[in-house]
PDB file of N, CA and C in Angstrom:
ATOM      1  N   MET A   1      14.072 -15.853  18.110  1.00  0.00           N
ATOM      2  CA  MET A   1      13.257 -17.176  17.516  1.00  0.00           C
ATOM      3  C   MET A   1      13.174 -16.766  16.016  1.00  0.00           C
ATOM      4  N   GLN A   2      13.239 -17.688  15.046  1.00  0.00           N
ATOM      5  CA  GLN A   2      12.803 -17.893  13.886  1.00  0.00           C
ATOM      6  C   GLN A   2      11.482 -18.354  13.809  1.00  0.00           C
ATOM      7  N   VAL A   3      10.281 -17.575  13.691  1.00  0.00           N
ATOM      8  CA  VAL A   3       9.020 -18.052  13.621  1.00  0.00           C
ATOM      9  C   VAL A   3       8.883 -19.323  12.513  1.00  0.00           C
ATOM     10  N   LYS A   4       9.111 -19.018  11.512  1.00  0.00           N
ATOM     11  CA  LYS A   4       8.786 -19.864  10.160  1.00  0.00           C
ATOM     12  C   LYS A   4       9.592 -21.262  10.434  1.00  0.00           C
ATOM     13  N   THR A   5      10.634 -21.271  11.043  1.00  0.00           N
ATOM     14  CA  THR A   5      11.215 -22.522  11.451  1.00  0.00           C
ATOM     15  C   THR A   5      10.607 -23.247  12.399  1.00  0.00           C
ATOM     16  N   PHE A   6      10.220 -22.340  13.582  1.00  0.00           N
ATOM     17  CA  PHE A   6       9.684 -22.983  14.448  1.00  0.00           C
ATOM     18  C   PHE A   6       8.276 -23.763  14.466  1.00  0.00           C
ATOM     19  N   LEU A   7       7.410 -22.995  13.558  1.00  0.00           N
ATOM     20  CA  LEU A   7       6.213 -23.596  13.141  1.00  0.00           C
ATOM     21  C   LEU A   7       6.415 -24.749  12.116  1.00  0.00           C
ATOM     22  N   GLU A   8       7.310 -24.957  11.286  1.00  0.00           N
ATOM     23  CA  GLU A   8       7.466 -25.772  10.459  1.00  0.00           C
ATOM     24  C   GLU A   8       8.189 -27.241  11.237  1.00  0.00           C
ATOM     25  N   SER A   9       9.007 -27.001  12.189  1.00  0.00           N
ATOM     26  CA  SER A   9       9.857 -28.338  13.084  1.00  0.00           C
ATOM     27  C   SER A   9       8.238 -28.578  13.747  1.00  0.00           C
ATOM     28  N   THR A  10       7.633 -27.832  14.525  1.00  0.00           N
ATOM     29  CA  THR A  10       6.697 -28.210  15.551  1.00  0.00           C
ATOM     30  C   THR A  10       5.398 -28.842  14.845  1.00  0.00           C
ATOM     31  N   ILE A  11       5.071 -28.504  13.679  1.00  0.00           N
ATOM     32  CA  ILE A  11       4.089 -28.975  12.828  1.00  0.00           C
ATOM     33  C   ILE A  11       4.333 -30.413  12.264  1.00  0.00           C
ATOM     34  N   LYS A  12       5.615 -30.392  11.968  1.00  0.00           N
ATOM     35  CA  LYS A  12       6.056 -31.814  11.131  1.00  0.00           C
ATOM     36  C   LYS A  12       6.307 -32.738  12.490  1.00  0.00           C
ATOM     37  N   ALA A  13       6.712 -32.264  13.402  1.00  0.00           N
ATOM     38  CA  ALA A  13       6.907 -33.404  14.605  1.00  0.00           C
ATOM     39  C   ALA A  13       5.469 -33.919  15.160  1.00  0.00           C
ATOM     40  N   ALA A  14       4.772 -33.090  15.018  1.00  0.00           N
ATOM     41  CA  ALA A  14       3.200 -33.561  15.391  1.00  0.00           C
ATOM     42  C   ALA A  14       2.270 -34.123  14.860  1.00  0.00           C
ATOM     43  N   LEU A  15       2.322 -33.844  13.487  1.00  0.00           N
ATOM     44  CA  LEU A  15       1.223 -34.330  12.613  1.00  0.00           C
ATOM     45  C   LEU A  15       1.639 -35.018  11.226  1.00  0.00           C
ATOM     46  N   ASN A  16       3.108 -35.068  11.054  1.00  0.00           N
ATOM     47  CA  ASN A  16       3.631 -35.820  10.063  1.00  0.00           C
ATOM     48  C   ASN A  16       3.021 -35.316   8.885  1.00  0.00           C
ATOM     49  N   PRO A  17       2.907 -34.237   8.399  1.00  0.00           N
ATOM     50  CA  PRO A  17       2.154 -33.993   7.191  1.00  0.00           C
ATOM     51  C   PRO A  17       2.673 -34.292   5.733  1.00  0.00           C
ATOM     52  N   SER A  18       1.941 -34.600   5.102  1.00  0.00           N
ATOM     53  CA  SER A  18       2.226 -35.122   3.509  1.00  0.00           C
ATOM     54  C   SER A  18       2.759 -33.781   2.873  1.00  0.00           C
ATOM     55  N   TYR A  19       2.053 -32.544   3.230  1.00  0.00           N
ATOM     56  CA  TYR A  19       2.468 -31.187   2.567  1.00  0.00           C
ATOM     57  C   TYR A  19       2.470 -30.164   3.924  1.00  0.00           C
ATOM     58  N   LEU A  20       3.502 -29.396   3.685  1.00  0.00           N
ATOM     59  CA  LEU A  20       3.350 -28.227   4.704  1.00  0.00           C
ATOM     60  C   LEU A  20       4.258 -27.128   4.017  1.00  0.00           C
ATOM     61  N   GLU A  21       3.334 -25.923   4.187  1.00  0.00           N
ATOM     62  CA  GLU A  21       3.909 -24.664   3.494  1.00  0.00           C
ATOM     63  C   GLU A  21       3.632 -23.753   4.613  1.00  0.00           C
ATOM     64  N   VAL A  22       4.542 -22.833   5.209  1.00  0.00           N
ATOM     65  CA  VAL A  22       4.533 -21.769   6.180  1.00  0.00           C
ATOM     66  C   VAL A  22       5.072 -20.807   5.293  1.00  0.00           C
ATOM     67  N   VAL A  23       4.400 -19.570   5.211  1.00  0.00           N
ATOM     68  CA  VAL A  23       4.715 -18.424   4.523  1.00  0.00           C
ATOM     69  C   VAL A  23       4.972 -17.320   5.185  1.00  0.00           C
ATOM     70  N   ASP A  24       5.739 -16.615   5.434  1.00  0.00           N
ATOM     71  CA  ASP A  24       5.681 -15.077   6.340  1.00  0.00           C
ATOM     72  C   ASP A  24       5.217 -13.956   5.409  1.00  0.00           C
ATOM     73  N   GLU A  25       3.993 -13.614   5.631  1.00  0.00           N
ATOM     74  CA  GLU A  25       3.445 -12.640   4.864  1.00  0.00           C
ATOM     75  C   GLU A  25       3.304 -11.280   5.671  1.00  0.00           C
ATOM     76  N   SER A  26       4.247 -11.175   6.287  1.00  0.00           N
ATOM     77  CA  SER A  26       4.294  -9.888   7.086  1.00  0.00           C
ATOM     78  C   SER A  26       4.697  -8.736   6.451  1.00  0.00           C
ATOM     79  N   PHE A  27       5.376  -8.993   5.208  1.00  0.00           N
ATOM     80  CA  PHE A  27       5.792  -8.041   4.380  1.00  0.00           C
ATOM     81  C   PHE A  27       4.552  -7.193   3.834  1.00  0.00           C
ATOM     82  N   MET A  28       3.274  -7.855   3.569  1.00  0.00           N
ATOM     83  CA  MET A  28       2.220  -7.513   3.129  1.00  0.00           C
ATOM     84  C   MET A  28       1.263  -6.786   3.876  1.00  0.00           C
ATOM     85  N   HIS A  29       1.986  -6.349   5.343  1.00  0.00           N
ATOM     86  CA  HIS A  29       1.152  -5.552   6.091  1.00  0.00           C
ATOM     87  C   HIS A  29       2.069  -4.334   6.747  1.00  0.00           C
ATOM     88  N   ASN A  30       1.449  -3.522   7.263  1.00  0.00           N
ATOM     89  CA  ASN A  30       2.042  -2.239   7.640  1.00  0.00           C
ATOM     90  C   ASN A  30       2.704  -2.721   9.261  1.00  0.00           C
ATOM     91  N   VAL A  31       3.660  -3.565   9.027  1.00  0.00           N
ATOM     92  CA  VAL A  31       4.450  -3.704  10.297  1.00  0.00           C
ATOM     93  C   VAL A  31       6.104  -3.592  10.070  1.00  0.00           C
ATOM     94  N   PRO A  32       6.839  -3.385  10.950  1.00  0.00           N
ATOM     95  CA  PRO A  32       8.260  -2.981  10.653  1.00  0.00           C
ATOM     96  C   PRO A  32       9.017  -4.241   9.816  1.00  0.00           C
ATOM     97  N   ASP A  33       9.966  -4.064   9.133  1.00  0.00           N
ATOM     98  CA  ASP A  33      10.599  -5.180   8.263  1.00  0.00           C
ATOM     99  C   ASP A  33      11.091  -6.226   9.421  1.00  0.00           C
ATOM    100  N   GLY A  34      11.111  -7.333   9.112  1.00  0.00           N
ATOM    101  CA  GLY A  34      11.790  -8.468   9.942  1.00  0.00           C
ATOM    102  C   GLY A  34      10.453  -8.666  11.096  1.00  0.00           C
ATOM    103  N   ALA A  35       9.247  -8.404  10.891  1.00  0.00           N
ATOM    104  CA  ALA A  35       8.415  -8.472  12.339  1.00  0.00           C
ATOM    105  C   ALA A  35       8.005  -9.742  12.607  1.00  0.00           C
ATOM    106  N   GLN A  36       8.009 -10.739  11.533  1.00  0.00           N
ATOM    107  CA  GLN A  36       7.554 -12.244  11.582  1.00  0.00           C
ATOM    108  C   GLN A  36       6.234 -12.136  12.489  1.00  0.00           C
ATOM    109  N   SER A  37       5.404 -11.429  11.889  1.00  0.00           N
ATOM    110  CA  SER A  37       3.791 -11.109  12.572  1.00  0.00           C
ATOM    111  C   SER A  37       2.781 -11.713  11.906  1.00  0.00           C
ATOM    112  N   HIS A  38       2.831 -12.032  10.653  1.00  0.00           N
ATOM    113  CA  HIS A  38       1.705 -12.832   9.863  1.00  0.00           C
ATOM    114  C   HIS A  38       2.211 -13.976   9.097  1.00  0.00           C
ATOM    115  N   PHE A  39       1.326 -14.961   9.248  1.00  0.00           N
ATOM    116  CA  PHE A  39       1.889 -16.278   8.854  1.00  0.00           C
ATOM    117  C   PHE A  39       0.748 -16.949   7.912  1.00  0.00           C
ATOM    118  N   LYS A  40       0.827 -17.688   6.964  1.00  0.00           N
ATOM    119  CA  LYS A  40      -0.092 -18.226   6.209  1.00  0.00           C
ATOM    120  C   LYS A  40       0.603 -19.815   6.464  1.00  0.00           C
ATOM    121  N   VAL A  41      -0.468 -20.763   6.760  1.00  0.00           N
ATOM    122  CA  VAL A  41       0.205 -22.126   7.101  1.00  0.00           C
ATOM    123  C   VAL A  41      -0.793 -22.874   6.336  1.00  0.00           C
ATOM    124  N   THR A  42      -0.379 -23.817   5.318  1.00  0.00           N
ATOM    125  CA  THR A  42      -1.261 -24.899   4.830  1.00  0.00           C
ATOM    126  C   THR A  42      -0.712 -26.230   5.232  1.00  0.00           C
ATOM    127  N   VAL A  43      -1.517 -27.166   5.795  1.00  0.00           N
ATOM    128  CA  VAL A  43      -1.159 -28.241   6.146  1.00  0.00           C
ATOM    129  C   VAL A  43      -1.683 -29.340   5.671  1.00  0.00           C
ATOM    130  N   VAL A  44      -1.494 -30.497   4.978  1.00  0.00           N
ATOM    131  CA  VAL A  44      -2.215 -31.740   4.670  1.00  0.00           C
ATOM    132  C   VAL A  44      -1.585 -32.593   5.654  1.00  0.00           C
ATOM    133  N   SER A  45      -2.690 -33.331   6.390  1.00  0.00           N
ATOM    134  CA  SER A  45      -2.319 -34.489   7.230  1.00  0.00           C
ATOM    135  C   SER A  45      -3.200 -35.848   7.293  1.00  0.00           C
ATOM    136  N   ASP A  46      -2.924 -36.993   7.252  1.00  0.00           N
ATOM    137  CA  ASP A  46      -3.980 -37.812   7.814  1.00  0.00           C
ATOM    138  C   ASP A  46      -4.433 -37.601   9.131  1.00  0.00           C
ATOM    139  N   ALA A  47      -3.937 -37.028  10.083  1.00  0.00           N
ATOM    140  CA  ALA A  47      -4.239 -36.825  11.292  1.00  0.00           C
ATOM    141  C   ALA A  47      -5.472 -35.810  11.272  1.00  0.00           C
ATOM    142  N   PHE A  48      -6.065 -35.294  10.321  1.00  0.00           N
ATOM    143  CA  PHE A  48      -7.023 -34.425  10.111  1.00  0.00           C
ATOM    144  C   PHE A  48      -8.358 -35.272  10.014  1.00  0.00           C
ATOM    145  N   GLU A  49      -8.038 -36.365   9.737  1.00  0.00           N
ATOM    146  CA  GLU A  49      -9.211 -37.190   9.114  1.00  0.00           C
ATOM    147  C   GLU A  49     -10.349 -37.437  10.480  1.00  0.00           C
ATOM    148  N   GLY A  50     -11.494 -37.182  10.008  1.00  0.00           N
ATOM    149  CA  GLY A  50     -12.406 -37.297  10.899  1.00  0.00           C
ATOM    150  C   GLY A  50     -12.531 -35.926  12.275  1.00  0.00           C
ATOM    151  N   LYS A  51     -11.823 -34.911  11.871  1.00  0.00           N
ATOM    152  CA  LYS A  51     -11.925 -33.867  12.796  1.00  0.00           C
ATOM    153  C   LYS A  51     -12.558 -32.676  11.942  1.00  0.00           C
ATOM    154  N   ARG A  52     -13.452 -31.847  12.674  1.00  0.00           N
ATOM    155  CA  ARG A  52     -13.955 -30.809  12.212  1.00  0.00           C
ATOM    156  C   ARG A  52     -12.949 -29.578  12.100  1.00  0.00           C
ATOM    157  N   LEU A  53     -12.904 -28.610  11.054  1.00  0.00           N
ATOM    158  CA  LEU A  53     -12.344 -27.574  10.933  1.00  0.00           C
ATOM    159  C   LEU A  53     -11.866 -26.730  12.156  1.00  0.00           C
ATOM    160  N   ILE A  54     -12.646 -26.530  13.154  1.00  0.00           N
ATOM    161  CA  ILE A  54     -12.466 -26.109  14.287  1.00  0.00           C
ATOM    162  C   ILE A  54     -11.287 -26.952  15.331  1.00  0.00           C
ATOM    163  N   ALA A  55     -11.411 -28.045  15.317  1.00  0.00           N
ATOM    164  CA  ALA A  55     -10.377 -28.899  15.819  1.00  0.00           C
ATOM    165  C   ALA A  55      -9.418 -28.820  15.172  1.00  0.00           C
ATOM    166  N   ARG A  56      -9.343 -29.030  13.878  1.00  0.00           N
ATOM    167  CA  ARG A  56      -7.749 -28.863  13.289  1.00  0.00           C
ATOM    168  C   ARG A  56      -7.072 -27.699  13.621  1.00  0.00           C
ATOM    169  N   HIS A  57      -8.048 -26.465  13.545  1.00  0.00           N
ATOM    170  CA  HIS A  57      -7.290 -24.965  13.704  1.00  0.00           C
ATOM    171  C   HIS A  57      -6.799 -25.010  15.589  1.00  0.00           C
ATOM    172  N   ARG A  58      -7.642 -25.613  16.078  1.00  0.00           N
ATOM    173  CA  ARG A  58      -7.247 -25.728  17.631  1.00  0.00           C
ATOM    174  C   ARG A  58      -6.062 -26.465  18.040  1.00  0.00           C
ATOM    175  N   GLU A  59      -5.964 -27.534  16.954  1.00  0.00           N
ATOM    176  CA  GLU A  59      -4.534 -28.171  17.294  1.00  0.00           C
ATOM    177  C   GLU A  59      -3.441 -27.520  16.612  1.00  0.00           C
ATOM    178  N   ILE A  60      -3.571 -26.803  15.479  1.00  0.00           N
ATOM    179  CA  ILE A  60      -2.400 -26.281  15.091  1.00  0.00           C
ATOM    180  C   ILE A  60      -2.341 -24.995  16.097  1.00  0.00           C
ATOM    181  N   ASN A  61      -3.409 -24.117  16.573  1.00  0.00           N
ATOM    182  CA  ASN A  61      -2.721 -23.121  17.734  1.00  0.00           C
ATOM    183  C   ASN A  61      -2.421 -23.566  18.638  1.00  0.00           C
ATOM    184  N   GLY A  62      -2.837 -24.677  19.077  1.00  0.00           N
ATOM    185  CA  GLY A  62      -2.160 -24.958  20.230  1.00  0.00           C
ATOM    186  C   GLY A  62      -0.484 -25.481  20.149  1.00  0.00           C
ATOM    187  N   LEU A  63      -0.160 -25.827  18.979  1.00  0.00           N
ATOM    188  CA  LEU A  63       1.325 -26.207  18.509  1.00  0.00           C
ATOM    189  C   LEU A  63       1.969 -24.981  18.218  1.00  0.00           C
ATOM    190  N   ALA A  64       1.118 -23.824  17.890  1.00  0.00           N
ATOM    191  CA  ALA A  64       1.635 -22.592  17.528  1.00  0.00           C
ATOM    192  C   ALA A  64       1.868 -21.821  18.748  1.00  0.00           C
ATOM    193  N   ALA A  65       1.248 -22.086  19.926  1.00  0.00           N
ATOM    194  CA  ALA A  65       1.184 -21.350  21.285  1.00  0.00           C
ATOM    195  C   ALA A  65       2.199 -20.448  21.411  1.00  0.00           C
ATOM    196  N   GLU A  66       3.568 -20.987  21.712  1.00  0.00           N
ATOM    197  CA  GLU A  66       4.634 -20.128  21.972  1.00  0.00           C
ATOM    198  C   GLU A  66       4.929 -18.884  20.860  1.00  0.00           C
ATOM    199  N   ALA A  67       4.420 -19.259  19.833  1.00  0.00           N
ATOM    200  CA  ALA A  67       4.695 -18.170  18.921  1.00  0.00           C
ATOM    201  C   ALA A  67       3.922 -17.039  18.760  1.00  0.00           C
ATOM    202  N   LEU A  68       2.504 -17.747  18.930  1.00  0.00           N
ATOM    203  CA  LEU A  68       1.268 -16.763  19.351  1.00  0.00           C
ATOM    204  C   LEU A  68       1.158 -15.737  20.576  1.00  0.00           C
ATOM    205  N   GLN A  69       2.091 -16.218  21.542  1.00  0.00           N
ATOM    206  CA  GLN A  69       2.436 -15.448  22.704  1.00  0.00           C
ATOM    207  C   GLN A  69       3.373 -14.366  22.378  1.00  0.00           C
ATOM    208  N   GLY A  70       4.235 -14.342  21.496  1.00  0.00           N
ATOM    209  CA  GLY A  70       5.314 -13.601  21.079  1.00  0.00           C
ATOM    210  C   GLY A  70       4.983 -12.835  20.205  1.00  0.00           C
ATOM    211  N   PRO A  71       5.801 -12.915  18.842  1.00  0.00           N
ATOM    212  CA  PRO A  71       5.756 -11.839  17.778  1.00  0.00           C
ATOM    213  C   PRO A  71       4.602 -12.232  16.928  1.00  0.00           C
ATOM    214  N   VAL A  72       3.898 -13.551  16.876  1.00  0.00           N
ATOM    215  CA  VAL A  72       3.119 -13.727  15.595  1.00  0.00           C
ATOM    216  C   VAL A  72       1.554 -13.075  15.955  1.00  0.00           C
ATOM    217  N   HIS A  73       1.034 -12.177  15.281  1.00  0.00           N
ATOM    218  CA  HIS A  73      -0.336 -11.498  15.499  1.00  0.00           C
ATOM    219  C   HIS A  73      -1.287 -11.949  14.502  1.00  0.00           C
ATOM    220  N   ALA A  74      -1.006 -12.824  13.527  1.00  0.00           N
ATOM    221  CA  ALA A  74      -2.241 -13.338  12.623  1.00  0.00           C
ATOM    222  C   ALA A  74      -1.332 -14.800  11.851  1.00  0.00           C
ATOM    223  N   LEU A  75      -2.314 -15.780  12.169  1.00  0.00           N
ATOM    224  CA  LEU A  75      -1.927 -17.182  11.620  1.00  0.00           C
ATOM    225  C   LEU A  75      -3.179 -17.573  10.592  1.00  0.00           C
ATOM    226  N   ALA A  76      -2.998 -17.509   9.405  1.00  0.00           N
ATOM    227  CA  ALA A  76      -3.867 -18.033   8.513  1.00  0.00           C
ATOM    228  C   ALA A  76      -3.821 -19.635   8.408  1.00  0.00           C
ATOM    229  N   LEU A  77      -4.941 -20.250   8.751  1.00  0.00           N
ATOM    230  CA  LEU A  77      -4.753 -21.702   8.489  1.00  0.00           C
ATOM    231  C   LEU A  77      -5.559 -22.468   7.424  1.00  0.00           C
ATOM    232  N   HIS A  78      -4.948 -23.133   6.851  1.00  0.00           N
ATOM    233  CA  HIS A  78      -5.760 -23.873   5.853  1.00  0.00           C
ATOM    234  C   HIS A  78      -5.234 -25.449   5.872  1.00  0.00           C
ATOM    235  N   THR A  79      -5.997 -26.266   6.642  1.00  0.00           N
ATOM    236  CA  THR A  79      -6.008 -27.369   6.861  1.00  0.00           C
ATOM    237  C   THR A  79      -6.869 -28.470   6.190  1.00  0.00           C
ATOM    238  N   TYR A  80      -6.085 -29.374   5.705  1.00  0.00           N
ATOM    239  CA  TYR A  80      -6.763 -30.318   4.710  1.00  0.00           C
ATOM    240  C   TYR A  80      -6.242 -31.928   4.975  1.00  0.00           C
ATOM    241  N   THR A  81      -7.394 -32.792   4.629  1.00  0.00           N
ATOM    242  CA  THR A  81      -6.763 -34.312   4.571  1.00  0.00           C
ATOM    243  C   THR A  81      -6.240 -34.569   3.320  1.00  0.00           C
ATOM    244  N   PRO A  82      -5.598 -35.379   3.277  1.00  0.00           N
ATOM    245  CA  PRO A  82      -5.011 -35.787   1.777  1.00  0.00           C
ATOM    246  C   PRO A  82      -6.233 -35.648   0.629  1.00  0.00           C
ATOM    247  N   ALA A  83      -7.318 -36.326   1.120  1.00  0.00           N
ATOM    248  CA  ALA A  83      -8.286 -36.438  -0.003  1.00  0.00           C
ATOM    249  C   ALA A  83      -8.970 -35.010  -0.377  1.00  0.00           C
ATOM    250  N   GLU A  84      -9.058 -34.003   0.692  1.00  0.00           N
ATOM    251  CA  GLU A  84      -9.300 -32.847   0.435  1.00  0.00           C
ATOM    252  C   GLU A  84      -8.450 -31.895  -0.469  1.00  0.00           C
ATOM    253  N   TRP A  85      -7.200 -32.282  -0.071  1.00  0.00           N
ATOM    254  CA  TRP A  85      -6.148 -31.511  -0.630  1.00  0.00           C
ATOM    255  C   TRP A  85      -6.296 -31.985  -2.321  1.00  0.00           C
ATOM    256  N   GLU A  86      -6.206 -33.333  -2.451  1.00  0.00           N
ATOM    257  CA  GLU A  86      -6.172 -33.783  -3.819  1.00  0.00           C
ATOM    258  C   GLU A  86      -7.608 -33.123  -4.727  1.00  0.00           C
ATOM    259  N   ALA A  87      -8.612 -32.922  -3.909  1.00  0.00           N
ATOM    260  CA  ALA A  87      -9.986 -32.592  -4.599  1.00  0.00           C
ATOM    261  C   ALA A  87      -9.867 -31.074  -4.846  1.00  0.00           C
ATOM    262  N   ARG A  88      -9.036 -30.326  -3.982  1.00  0.00           N
ATOM    263  CA  ARG A  88      -8.534 -29.067  -4.520  1.00  0.00           C
ATOM    264  C   ARG A  88      -7.604 -28.663  -5.512  1.00  0.00           C
ATOM    265  N   GLY A  89      -6.881 -29.963  -6.190  1.00  0.00           N
ATOM    266  CA  GLY A  89      -5.898 -29.758  -6.959  1.00  0.00           C
ATOM    267  C   GLY A  89      -4.599 -29.525  -6.328  1.00  0.00           C
ATOM    268  N   GLY A  90      -4.342 -29.623  -5.057  1.00  0.00           N
ATOM    269  CA  GLY A  90      -3.196 -29.281  -4.431  1.00  0.00           C
ATOM    270  C   GLY A  90      -3.089 -27.789  -4.412  1.00  0.00           C
ATOM    271  N   GLU A  91      -4.091 -26.837  -4.116  1.00  0.00           N
ATOM    272  CA  GLU A  91      -3.824 -25.538  -4.220  1.00  0.00           C
ATOM    273  C   GLU A  91      -4.587 -25.060  -2.989  1.00  0.00           C
ATOM    274  N   SER A  92      -3.908 -24.165  -2.430  1.00  0.00           N
ATOM    275  CA  SER A  92      -4.366 -23.500  -1.111  1.00  0.00           C
ATOM    276  C   SER A  92      -5.092 -22.057  -1.513  1.00  0.00           C
ATOM    277  N   LEU A  93      -5.686 -21.644  -0.524  1.00  0.00           N
ATOM    278  CA  LEU A  93      -6.478 -20.099  -0.753  1.00  0.00           C
ATOM    279  C   LEU A  93      -5.319 -19.016  -0.919  1.00  0.00           C
ATOM    280  N   ALA A  94      -5.448 -18.224  -1.680  1.00  0.00           N
ATOM    281  CA  ALA A  94      -4.660 -17.101  -2.029  1.00  0.00           C
ATOM    282  C   ALA A  94      -5.205 -16.187  -0.489  1.00  0.00           C
ATOM    283  N   SER A  95      -4.054 -15.220   0.087  1.00  0.00           N
ATOM    284  CA  SER A  95      -4.376 -14.625   1.058  1.00  0.00           C
ATOM    285  C   SER A  95      -4.970 -13.177   0.652  1.00  0.00           C
ATOM    286  N   PRO A  96      -5.922 -12.896   1.436  1.00  0.00           N
ATOM    287  CA  PRO A  96      -6.302 -11.383   1.022  1.00  0.00           C
ATOM    288  C   PRO A  96      -5.483 -10.420   1.340  1.00  0.00           C
ATOM    289  N   ASN A  97      -5.872  -9.239   0.520  1.00  0.00           N
ATOM    290  CA  ASN A  97      -4.892  -8.005   0.922  1.00  0.00           C
ATOM    291  C   ASN A  97      -5.206  -7.441   2.335  1.00  0.00           C
ATOM    292  N   CYS A  98      -4.245  -6.606   2.700  1.00  0.00           N
ATOM    293  CA  CYS A  98      -4.521  -6.209   4.207  1.00  0.00           C
ATOM    294  C   CYS A  98      -5.367  -5.131   3.984  1.00  0.00           C
ATOM    295  N   LEU A  99      -6.126  -4.984   4.851  1.00  0.00           N
ATOM    296  CA  LEU A  99      -7.228  -3.955   5.279  1.00  0.00           C
ATOM    297  C   LEU A  99      -6.695  -3.123   6.427  1.00  0.00           C
ATOM    298  N   GLY A 100      -5.520  -3.280   6.877  1.00  0.00           N
ATOM    299  CA  GLY A 100      -5.303  -2.361   8.134  1.00  0.00           C
ATOM    300  C   GLY A 100      -4.195  -1.389   7.942  1.00  0.00           C
ATOM    301  N   GLY A 101      -4.130  -0.867   6.613  1.00  0.00           N
ATOM    302  CA  GLY A 101      -2.704   0.088   6.430  1.00  0.00           C
ATOM    303  C   GLY A 101      -1.632  -0.589   5.749  1.00  0.00           C
ATOM    304  N   SER A 102      -2.222  -1.412   4.596  1.00  0.00           N
ATOM    305  CA  SER A 102      -0.939  -2.283   4.232  1.00  0.00           C
ATOM    306  C   SER A 102       0.098  -0.969   3.445  1.00  0.00           C
ATOM    307  N   LYS A 103       1.411  -1.566   3.635  1.00  0.00           N
ATOM    308  CA  LYS A 103       2.470  -0.606   2.847  1.00  0.00           C
ATOM    309  C   LYS A 103       2.262  -0.323   1.398  1.00  0.00           C
ATOM    310  N   HIS A 104       1.590  -1.661   0.822  1.00  0.00           N
ATOM    311  CA  HIS A 104       1.345  -1.401  -0.590  1.00  0.00           C
ATOM    312  C   HIS A 104       0.359  -0.613  -1.052  1.00  0.00           C
ATOM    313  N   ASP A 105      -0.539   0.065  -0.050  1.00  0.00           N
ATOM    314  CA  ASP A 105      -1.291   0.981  -0.635  1.00  0.00           C
ATOM    315  C   ASP A 105      -0.909   2.623  -0.466  1.00  0.00           C
ATOM    316  N   LYS A 106       0.490   2.544   0.083  1.00  0.00           N
ATOM    317  CA  LYS A 106       0.904   4.105  -0.013  1.00  0.00           C
ATOM    318  C   LYS A 106       1.726   4.223  -0.975  1.00  0.00           C
TER     319      LYS A 106
END
Protein backbone atom coordinates (compact mmCIF):
# COMPACT_ATOMS: atom_id res chain seq x y z
CA MET A 1 0.00 0.00 0.00
CA GLN A 2 1.26 3.45 -0.88
CA VAL A 3 0.33 5.33 2.28
CA LYS A 4 0.50 8.80 0.72
CA THR A 5 -1.93 7.79 -2.02
CA PHE A 6 -4.22 6.07 0.48
CA LEU A 7 -4.35 9.15 2.73
CA GLU A 8 -4.95 11.52 -0.18
CA SER A 9 -7.77 9.51 -1.72
CA THR A 10 -9.46 8.73 1.60
CA ILE A 11 -9.38 12.33 2.84
CA LYS A 12 -10.50 13.73 -0.54
CA ALA A 13 -13.48 11.37 -0.67
CA ALA A 14 -14.62 12.13 2.88
CA LEU A 15 -13.93 15.86 3.25
CA ASN A 16 -13.80 17.35 -0.25
CA PRO A 17 -10.95 19.64 0.80
CA SER A 18 -10.18 22.91 -0.95
CA TYR A 19 -6.52 22.21 -0.14
CA LEU A 20 -4.80 18.95 0.75
CA GLU A 21 -1.12 18.22 1.13
CA VAL A 22 0.24 14.89 2.31
CA VAL A 23 4.01 14.81 2.80
CA ASP A 24 5.99 11.67 3.58
CA GLU A 25 8.53 12.93 6.12
CA SER A 26 9.97 9.50 6.90
CA PHE A 27 13.32 10.53 5.42
CA MET A 28 13.68 13.01 8.30
CA HIS A 29 13.68 10.18 10.85
CA ASN A 30 15.82 7.22 11.81
CA VAL A 31 13.85 4.63 9.85
CA PRO A 32 14.74 2.38 6.91
CA ASP A 33 14.47 3.84 3.41
CA GLY A 34 10.92 3.55 2.09
CA ALA A 35 9.45 3.08 5.59
CA GLN A 36 6.36 5.28 4.98
CA SER A 37 6.21 5.87 8.73
CA HIS A 38 5.97 9.63 9.29
CA PHE A 39 3.48 11.89 7.49
CA LYS A 40 2.45 15.52 7.62
CA VAL A 41 -1.12 16.16 6.51
CA THR A 42 -2.50 19.64 5.87
CA VAL A 43 -6.24 19.76 5.16
CA VAL A 44 -8.46 22.77 4.47
CA SER A 45 -12.16 21.94 4.38
CA ASP A 46 -15.57 23.44 4.99
CA ALA A 47 -16.30 20.20 6.87
CA PHE A 48 -14.26 21.59 9.78
CA GLU A 49 -16.57 24.57 10.33
CA GLY A 50 -17.79 24.63 13.94
CA LYS A 51 -15.56 21.70 14.96
CA ARG A 52 -12.91 21.90 17.65
CA LEU A 53 -9.37 20.88 16.81
CA ILE A 54 -9.69 17.57 18.66
CA ALA A 55 -12.80 16.65 16.63
CA ARG A 56 -10.99 17.46 13.39
CA HIS A 57 -8.03 15.31 14.38
CA ARG A 58 -10.26 12.45 15.45
CA GLU A 59 -11.97 12.60 12.08
CA ILE A 60 -8.66 12.40 10.19
CA ASN A 61 -7.35 9.67 12.50
CA GLY A 62 -10.52 7.69 11.85
CA LEU A 63 -10.05 8.04 8.11
CA ALA A 64 -6.38 7.02 8.44
CA ALA A 65 -7.07 4.09 10.80
CA GLU A 66 -5.94 1.44 8.32
CA ALA A 67 -2.59 3.14 7.77
CA LEU A 68 -2.17 3.83 11.50
CA GLN A 69 -2.53 0.10 12.19
CA GLY A 70 0.18 -0.62 9.65
CA PRO A 71 3.28 1.30 8.70
CA VAL A 72 2.41 4.78 9.99
CA HIS A 73 4.12 5.67 13.26
CA ALA A 74 3.45 9.42 13.25
CA LEU A 75 0.80 11.59 11.66
CA ALA A 76 1.20 15.36 12.04
CA LEU A 77 -2.18 16.96 11.39
CA HIS A 78 -2.82 20.56 10.39
CA THR A 79 -6.56 21.06 9.91
CA TYR A 80 -8.14 24.37 8.92
CA THR A 81 -11.37 25.90 7.75
CA PRO A 82 -10.99 28.02 4.59
CA ALA A 83 -11.15 31.21 6.70
CA GLU A 84 -8.44 29.95 9.08
CA TRP A 85 -6.26 28.94 6.15
CA GLU A 86 -6.68 32.36 4.53
CA ALA A 87 -5.84 34.08 7.84
CA ARG A 88 -2.62 32.03 7.95
CA GLY A 89 -1.75 33.23 4.46
CA GLY A 90 -2.05 29.71 3.08
CA GLU A 91 0.89 28.45 5.09
CA SER A 92 1.04 25.42 7.35
CA LEU A 93 3.47 24.93 10.18
CA ALA A 94 6.93 23.58 9.46
CA SER A 95 7.71 20.20 10.92
CA PRO A 96 10.20 20.12 13.80
CA ASN A 97 13.43 18.21 13.59
CA CYS A 98 13.33 14.62 14.75
CA LEU A 99 14.41 14.21 18.37
CA GLY A 100 14.66 10.44 18.26
CA GLY A 101 17.92 9.79 16.44
CA SER A 102 17.55 11.61 13.14
CA LYS A 103 19.75 10.42 10.28
CA HIS A 104 20.66 14.06 9.79
CA ASP A 105 22.40 14.14 13.17
CA LYS A 106 24.86 11.40 12.18
